[in-house]
Amino acid sequence: LFLSIAVGIGAVIIGLWVYVTLTRVIAKLYKEEKVNVKQVYQKAWDNIIPLLWVSILTGLAVFGGTLLLIIPGILFAVWFAFSSPINVLEGTRGSAALSESKQLVAGKWWSVLWRFLATYVVYGILFYTVTILIMVAIGLATGSWEALASGAAADTVLWIENLATSLINVIAMPLFSAVTVILYLELKKFKNVQKVS
């Protein structure tokens, strides 16, 4: 039990570190700035606790909205979609990151929702297809499908599914992070142009 808890906590910390690193690298690449990988890796550790807090607040808000009804949950999810990039890129902490995300989405709620939906549907179809292809390729390469037909390979098929899912997650995380970061940067740029004009 202790080992499971320790591994779980370690996985959360590493996941947050990877998210911070990806967010910063994607933002710099999108803005065509130089990326100092060593500096990005080192600075990522400073964001873990603030990002964890923002993630908890966002999760509680969306969960609370979903408990009320599905619609408030979706509303809150879109409002607070950019709270994590705001925390990582701007250094805004806690509920202030949620508030800033909501202000950024104000007047653009539907367009933000549709952009997320369209992107995730396309990515979902793509990754589902790739997952199946990877499973078939691994199954054919290892001969697991013949064993499955004879009923002797349930463990092997489960292993193949887990491997395929892990491979897809490694590919998917940067892409999904990129969508959120790029949408955030574009929305911020649009809002700044509106303020100037």
C-alpha atoms as a PDB file:
ATOM      1  CA  LEU A   1       0.000   0.000   0.000  1.00  0.00           C
ATOM      2  CA  PHE A   2       2.783   2.430   0.953  1.00  0.00           C
ATOM      3  CA  LEU A   3       4.626   1.647  -2.275  1.00  0.00           C
ATOM      4  CA  SER A   4       1.467   2.266  -4.325  1.00  0.00           C
ATOM      5  CA  ILE A   5       0.918   5.632  -2.624  1.00  0.00           C
ATOM      6  CA  ALA A   6       4.582   6.611  -3.141  1.00  0.00           C
ATOM      7  CA  VAL A   7       4.434   5.622  -6.820  1.00  0.00           C
ATOM      8  CA  GLY A   8       1.157   7.535  -7.225  1.00  0.00           C
ATOM      9  CA  ILE A   9       2.599  10.696  -5.664  1.00  0.00           C
ATOM     10  CA  GLY A  10       5.741  10.337  -7.774  1.00  0.00           C
ATOM     11  CA  ALA A  11       3.632   9.960 -10.924  1.00  0.00           C
ATOM     12  CA  VAL A  12       1.655  13.123 -10.079  1.00  0.00           C
ATOM     13  CA  ILE A  13       4.848  15.121  -9.482  1.00  0.00           C
ATOM     14  CA  ILE A  14       6.445  13.885 -12.709  1.00  0.00           C
ATOM     15  CA  GLY A  15       3.204  14.536 -14.614  1.00  0.00           C
ATOM     16  CA  LEU A  16       3.080  18.129 -13.344  1.00  0.00           C
ATOM     17  CA  TRP A  17       6.760  18.639 -14.177  1.00  0.00           C
ATOM     18  CA  VAL A  18       6.219  17.303 -17.714  1.00  0.00           C
ATOM     19  CA  TYR A  19       3.164  19.561 -18.151  1.00  0.00           C
ATOM     20  CA  VAL A  20       5.097  22.663 -17.026  1.00  0.00           C
ATOM     21  CA  THR A  21       8.034  21.783 -19.281  1.00  0.00           C
ATOM     22  CA  LEU A  22       5.809  21.134 -22.307  1.00  0.00           C
ATOM     23  CA  THR A  23       3.798  24.307 -21.729  1.00  0.00           C
ATOM     24  CA  ARG A  24       6.906  26.483 -21.583  1.00  0.00           C
ATOM     25  CA  VAL A  25       8.593  24.836 -24.575  1.00  0.00           C
ATOM     26  CA  ILE A  26       5.430  24.991 -26.713  1.00  0.00           C
ATOM     27  CA  ALA A  27       4.883  28.667 -25.837  1.00  0.00           C
ATOM     28  CA  LYS A  28       8.492  29.558 -26.695  1.00  0.00           C
ATOM     29  CA  LEU A  29       8.422  27.637 -29.974  1.00  0.00           C
ATOM     30  CA  TYR A  30       5.077  29.165 -30.939  1.00  0.00           C
ATOM     31  CA  LYS A  31       6.423  32.665 -30.236  1.00  0.00           C
ATOM     32  CA  GLU A  32       9.607  31.731 -32.143  1.00  0.00           C
ATOM     33  CA  GLU A  33      11.794  32.323 -29.094  1.00  0.00           C
ATOM     34  CA  LYS A  34      14.999  30.456 -28.257  1.00  0.00           C
ATOM     35  CA  VAL A  35      14.477  27.460 -25.973  1.00  0.00           C
ATOM     36  CA  ASN A  36      17.084  26.837 -23.273  1.00  0.00           C
ATOM     37  CA  VAL A  37      16.184  23.243 -22.423  1.00  0.00           C
ATOM     38  CA  LYS A  38      18.290  23.076 -19.251  1.00  0.00           C
ATOM     39  CA  GLN A  39      16.740  26.276 -17.905  1.00  0.00           C
ATOM     40  CA  VAL A  40      13.207  25.122 -18.780  1.00  0.00           C
ATOM     41  CA  TYR A  41      13.790  21.802 -16.980  1.00  0.00           C
ATOM     42  CA  GLN A  42      15.169  23.508 -13.872  1.00  0.00           C
ATOM     43  CA  LYS A  43      12.488  26.221 -13.685  1.00  0.00           C
ATOM     44  CA  ALA A  44       9.726  23.631 -14.094  1.00  0.00           C
ATOM     45  CA  TRP A  45      10.278  22.422 -10.517  1.00  0.00           C
ATOM     46  CA  ASP A  46       9.348  25.884  -9.177  1.00  0.00           C
ATOM     47  CA  ASN A  47       5.864  25.611 -10.699  1.00  0.00           C
ATOM     48  CA  ILE A  48       4.829  22.207  -9.371  1.00  0.00           C
ATOM     49  CA  ILE A  49       3.138  23.278  -6.105  1.00  0.00           C
ATOM     50  CA  PRO A  50       1.386  26.362  -7.589  1.00  0.00           C
ATOM     51  CA  LEU A  51       0.221  24.294 -10.586  1.00  0.00           C
ATOM     52  CA  LEU A  52      -1.020  21.520  -8.304  1.00  0.00           C
ATOM     53  CA  TRP A  53      -3.070  24.084  -6.349  1.00  0.00           C
ATOM     54  CA  VAL A  54      -4.509  25.650  -9.528  1.00  0.00           C
ATOM     55  CA  SER A  55      -5.323  22.163 -10.858  1.00  0.00           C
ATOM     56  CA  ILE A  56      -7.107  21.246  -7.615  1.00  0.00           C
ATOM     57  CA  LEU A  57      -9.134  24.487  -7.667  1.00  0.00           C
ATOM     58  CA  THR A  58     -10.034  23.986 -11.335  1.00  0.00           C
ATOM     59  CA  GLY A  59     -10.980  20.355 -10.732  1.00  0.00           C
ATOM     60  CA  LEU A  60     -13.162  21.273  -7.740  1.00  0.00           C
ATOM     61  CA  ALA A  61     -14.917  24.045  -9.702  1.00  0.00           C
ATOM     62  CA  VAL A  62     -15.632  21.800 -12.691  1.00  0.00           C
ATOM     63  CA  PHE A  63     -16.643  18.873 -10.451  1.00  0.00           C
ATOM     64  CA  GLY A  64     -18.911  21.148  -8.399  1.00  0.00           C
ATOM     65  CA  GLY A  65     -20.504  22.483 -11.576  1.00  0.00           C
ATOM     66  CA  THR A  66     -21.013  18.954 -12.868  1.00  0.00           C
ATOM     67  CA  LEU A  67     -22.710  17.956  -9.607  1.00  0.00           C
ATOM     68  CA  LEU A  68     -25.188  20.797 -10.078  1.00  0.00           C
ATOM     69  CA  LEU A  69     -25.900  19.690 -13.641  1.00  0.00           C
ATOM     70  CA  ILE A  70     -23.851  18.765 -16.689  1.00  0.00           C
ATOM     71  CA  ILE A  71     -24.218  22.243 -18.250  1.00  0.00           C
ATOM     72  CA  PRO A  72     -22.549  24.183 -15.384  1.00  0.00           C
ATOM     73  CA  GLY A  73     -19.711  21.641 -15.453  1.00  0.00           C
ATOM     74  CA  ILE A  74     -19.108  22.321 -19.162  1.00  0.00           C
ATOM     75  CA  LEU A  75     -19.418  26.071 -18.558  1.00  0.00           C
ATOM     76  CA  PHE A  76     -16.806  25.956 -15.774  1.00  0.00           C
ATOM     77  CA  ALA A  77     -14.507  23.657 -17.798  1.00  0.00           C
ATOM     78  CA  VAL A  78     -14.379  26.200 -20.649  1.00  0.00           C
ATOM     79  CA  TRP A  79     -14.070  29.204 -18.312  1.00  0.00           C
ATOM     80  CA  PHE A  80     -11.132  27.685 -16.472  1.00  0.00           C
ATOM     81  CA  ALA A  81      -9.488  25.847 -19.405  1.00  0.00           C
ATOM     82  CA  PHE A  82      -6.552  28.255 -19.450  1.00  0.00           C
ATOM     83  CA  SER A  83      -5.900  28.470 -15.703  1.00  0.00           C
ATOM     84  CA  SER A  84      -2.946  26.054 -15.870  1.00  0.00           C
ATOM     85  CA  PRO A  85      -1.148  27.799 -18.782  1.00  0.00           C
ATOM     86  CA  ILE A  86      -1.794  31.137 -17.049  1.00  0.00           C
ATOM     87  CA  ASN A  87      -0.190  29.753 -13.885  1.00  0.00           C
ATOM     88  CA  VAL A  88       2.824  28.339 -15.732  1.00  0.00           C
ATOM     89  CA  LEU A  89       3.440  31.148 -18.239  1.00  0.00           C
ATOM     90  CA  GLU A  90       2.340  34.218 -16.275  1.00  0.00           C
ATOM     91  CA  GLY A  91       3.052  33.090 -12.704  1.00  0.00           C
ATOM     92  CA  THR A  92      -0.531  33.849 -11.630  1.00  0.00           C
ATOM     93  CA  ARG A  93      -1.444  31.651  -8.675  1.00  0.00           C
ATOM     94  CA  GLY A  94      -4.494  30.064  -7.094  1.00  0.00           C
ATOM     95  CA  SER A  95      -7.955  31.458  -7.722  1.00  0.00           C
ATOM     96  CA  ALA A  96      -6.443  34.468  -9.540  1.00  0.00           C
ATOM     97  CA  ALA A  97      -5.429  32.093 -12.378  1.00  0.00           C
ATOM     98  CA  LEU A  98      -9.014  30.825 -12.598  1.00  0.00           C
ATOM     99  CA  SER A  99     -10.351  34.379 -12.594  1.00  0.00           C
ATOM    100  CA  GLU A 100      -7.927  35.448 -15.332  1.00  0.00           C
ATOM    101  CA  SER A 101      -8.898  32.428 -17.437  1.00  0.00           C
ATOM    102  CA  LYS A 102     -12.587  33.282 -17.068  1.00  0.00           C
ATOM    103  CA  GLN A 103     -11.930  36.907 -18.100  1.00  0.00           C
ATOM    104  CA  LEU A 104      -9.952  35.731 -21.116  1.00  0.00           C
ATOM    105  CA  VAL A 105     -12.812  33.481 -22.265  1.00  0.00           C
ATOM    106  CA  ALA A 106     -15.475  36.179 -21.671  1.00  0.00           C
ATOM    107  CA  GLY A 107     -17.279  36.951 -24.924  1.00  0.00           C
ATOM    108  CA  LYS A 108     -15.554  34.023 -26.669  1.00  0.00           C
ATOM    109  CA  TRP A 109     -17.019  31.099 -24.720  1.00  0.00           C
ATOM    110  CA  TRP A 110     -18.682  29.384 -27.702  1.00  0.00           C
ATOM    111  CA  SER A 111     -15.709  29.791 -30.022  1.00  0.00           C
ATOM    112  CA  VAL A 112     -13.367  28.397 -27.341  1.00  0.00           C
ATOM    113  CA  LEU A 113     -15.719  25.446 -26.734  1.00  0.00           C
ATOM    114  CA  TRP A 114     -15.980  24.629 -30.454  1.00  0.00           C
ATOM    115  CA  ARG A 115     -12.237  24.874 -30.962  1.00  0.00           C
ATOM    116  CA  PHE A 116     -11.616  22.465 -28.101  1.00  0.00           C
ATOM    117  CA  LEU A 117     -14.363  20.090 -29.256  1.00  0.00           C
ATOM    118  CA  ALA A 118     -13.236  20.078 -32.890  1.00  0.00           C
ATOM    119  CA  THR A 119      -9.617  19.506 -31.934  1.00  0.00           C
ATOM    120  CA  TYR A 120     -10.358  16.746 -29.446  1.00  0.00           C
ATOM    121  CA  VAL A 121     -12.758  14.957 -31.814  1.00  0.00           C
ATOM    122  CA  VAL A 122     -10.174  14.978 -34.622  1.00  0.00           C
ATOM    123  CA  TYR A 123      -7.380  13.927 -32.258  1.00  0.00           C
ATOM    124  CA  GLY A 124      -9.650  11.307 -30.672  1.00  0.00           C
ATOM    125  CA  ILE A 125     -10.431   9.693 -34.019  1.00  0.00           C
ATOM    126  CA  LEU A 126      -6.782   9.860 -35.053  1.00  0.00           C
ATOM    127  CA  PHE A 127      -5.485   8.354 -31.812  1.00  0.00           C
ATOM    128  CA  TYR A 128      -8.180   5.674 -31.699  1.00  0.00           C
ATOM    129  CA  THR A 129      -7.210   4.623 -35.228  1.00  0.00           C
ATOM    130  CA  VAL A 130      -3.484   4.685 -34.429  1.00  0.00           C
ATOM    131  CA  THR A 131      -4.072   2.684 -31.222  1.00  0.00           C
ATOM    132  CA  ILE A 132      -5.887  -0.033 -33.153  1.00  0.00           C
ATOM    133  CA  LEU A 133      -3.143  -0.112 -35.799  1.00  0.00           C
ATOM    134  CA  ILE A 134      -0.428  -0.384 -33.132  1.00  0.00           C
ATOM    135  CA  MET A 135      -2.335  -3.173 -31.370  1.00  0.00           C
ATOM    136  CA  VAL A 136      -2.767  -5.072 -34.638  1.00  0.00           C
ATOM    137  CA  ALA A 137       0.901  -4.604 -35.590  1.00  0.00           C
ATOM    138  CA  ILE A 138       2.145  -5.775 -32.179  1.00  0.00           C
ATOM    139  CA  GLY A 139      -0.346  -8.632 -32.170  1.00  0.00           C
ATOM    140  CA  LEU A 140       0.730  -9.832 -35.602  1.00  0.00           C
ATOM    141  CA  ALA A 141       4.432  -9.435 -34.780  1.00  0.00           C
ATOM    142  CA  THR A 142       4.144 -11.462 -31.564  1.00  0.00           C
ATOM    143  CA  GLY A 143       1.622 -13.996 -32.833  1.00  0.00           C
ATOM    144  CA  SER A 144      -0.805 -13.031 -30.076  1.00  0.00           C
ATOM    145  CA  TRP A 145      -3.843 -12.902 -32.332  1.00  0.00           C
ATOM    146  CA  GLU A 146      -3.559 -16.594 -33.217  1.00  0.00           C
ATOM    147  CA  ALA A 147      -3.256 -17.411 -29.528  1.00  0.00           C
ATOM    148  CA  LEU A 148      -6.265 -15.216 -28.812  1.00  0.00           C
ATOM    149  CA  ALA A 149      -8.304 -17.147 -31.361  1.00  0.00           C
ATOM    150  CA  SER A 150      -7.506 -20.304 -29.408  1.00  0.00           C
ATOM    151  CA  GLY A 151      -8.416 -18.538 -26.127  1.00  0.00           C
ATOM    152  CA  ALA A 152      -4.910 -18.741 -24.641  1.00  0.00           C
ATOM    153  CA  ALA A 153      -3.678 -15.138 -24.777  1.00  0.00           C
ATOM    154  CA  ALA A 154      -5.843 -12.925 -22.578  1.00  0.00           C
ATOM    155  CA  ASP A 155      -2.813 -11.656 -20.624  1.00  0.00           C
ATOM    156  CA  THR A 156      -0.842 -10.988 -23.795  1.00  0.00           C
ATOM    157  CA  VAL A 157      -3.694  -9.036 -25.359  1.00  0.00           C
ATOM    158  CA  LEU A 158      -4.028  -6.978 -22.179  1.00  0.00           C
ATOM    159  CA  TRP A 159      -0.274  -6.298 -22.321  1.00  0.00           C
ATOM    160  CA  ILE A 160      -0.599  -5.221 -25.977  1.00  0.00           C
ATOM    161  CA  GLU A 161      -3.498  -2.889 -25.127  1.00  0.00           C
ATOM    162  CA  ASN A 162      -1.518  -1.330 -22.273  1.00  0.00           C
ATOM    163  CA  LEU A 163       1.568  -0.888 -24.462  1.00  0.00           C
ATOM    164  CA  ALA A 164      -0.467   0.686 -27.277  1.00  0.00           C
ATOM    165  CA  THR A 165      -2.230   3.024 -24.839  1.00  0.00           C
ATOM    166  CA  SER A 166       1.091   4.070 -23.295  1.00  0.00           C
ATOM    167  CA  LEU A 167       2.611   4.788 -26.716  1.00  0.00           C
ATOM    168  CA  ILE A 168      -0.409   6.854 -27.704  1.00  0.00           C
ATOM    169  CA  ASN A 169      -0.332   8.798 -24.424  1.00  0.00           C
ATOM    170  CA  VAL A 170       3.327   9.689 -24.990  1.00  0.00           C
ATOM    171  CA  ILE A 171       2.356  11.118 -28.391  1.00  0.00           C
ATOM    172  CA  ALA A 172      -0.938  12.663 -27.259  1.00  0.00           C
ATOM    173  CA  MET A 173       0.251  14.654 -24.244  1.00  0.00           C
ATOM    174  CA  PRO A 174       2.368  17.153 -26.204  1.00  0.00           C
ATOM    175  CA  LEU A 175      -0.345  17.551 -28.842  1.00  0.00           C
ATOM    176  CA  PHE A 176      -3.130  18.183 -26.327  1.00  0.00           C
ATOM    177  CA  SER A 177      -0.872  20.549 -24.382  1.00  0.00           C
ATOM    178  CA  ALA A 178      -0.048  22.383 -27.613  1.00  0.00           C
ATOM    179  CA  VAL A 179      -3.743  22.930 -28.372  1.00  0.00           C
ATOM    180  CA  THR A 180      -4.397  24.547 -24.997  1.00  0.00           C
ATOM    181  CA  VAL A 181      -1.216  26.649 -25.023  1.00  0.00           C
ATOM    182  CA  ILE A 182      -1.720  27.894 -28.604  1.00  0.00           C
ATOM    183  CA  LEU A 183      -5.404  28.688 -27.984  1.00  0.00           C
ATOM    184  CA  TYR A 184      -4.376  30.567 -24.839  1.00  0.00           C
ATOM    185  CA  LEU A 185      -1.668  32.585 -26.630  1.00  0.00           C
ATOM    186  CA  GLU A 186      -3.974  33.428 -29.548  1.00  0.00           C
ATOM    187  CA  LEU A 187      -6.846  34.441 -27.262  1.00  0.00           C
ATOM    188  CA  LYS A 188      -4.483  36.572 -25.172  1.00  0.00           C
ATOM    189  CA  LYS A 189      -3.121  38.231 -28.330  1.00  0.00           C
ATOM    190  CA  PHE A 190      -6.697  38.896 -29.538  1.00  0.00           C
ATOM    191  CA  LYS A 191      -7.710  40.421 -26.188  1.00  0.00           C
ATOM    192  CA  ASN A 192      -4.568  42.618 -26.158  1.00  0.00           C
ATOM    193  CA  VAL A 193      -5.360  43.884 -29.679  1.00  0.00           C
ATOM    194  CA  GLN A 194      -8.911  44.684 -28.529  1.00  0.00           C
ATOM    195  CA  LYS A 195      -7.576  46.682 -25.558  1.00  0.00           C
ATOM    196  CA  VAL A 196      -5.255  48.719 -27.790  1.00  0.00           C
ATOM    197  CA  SER A 197      -7.986  49.480 -30.323  1.00  0.00           C
END
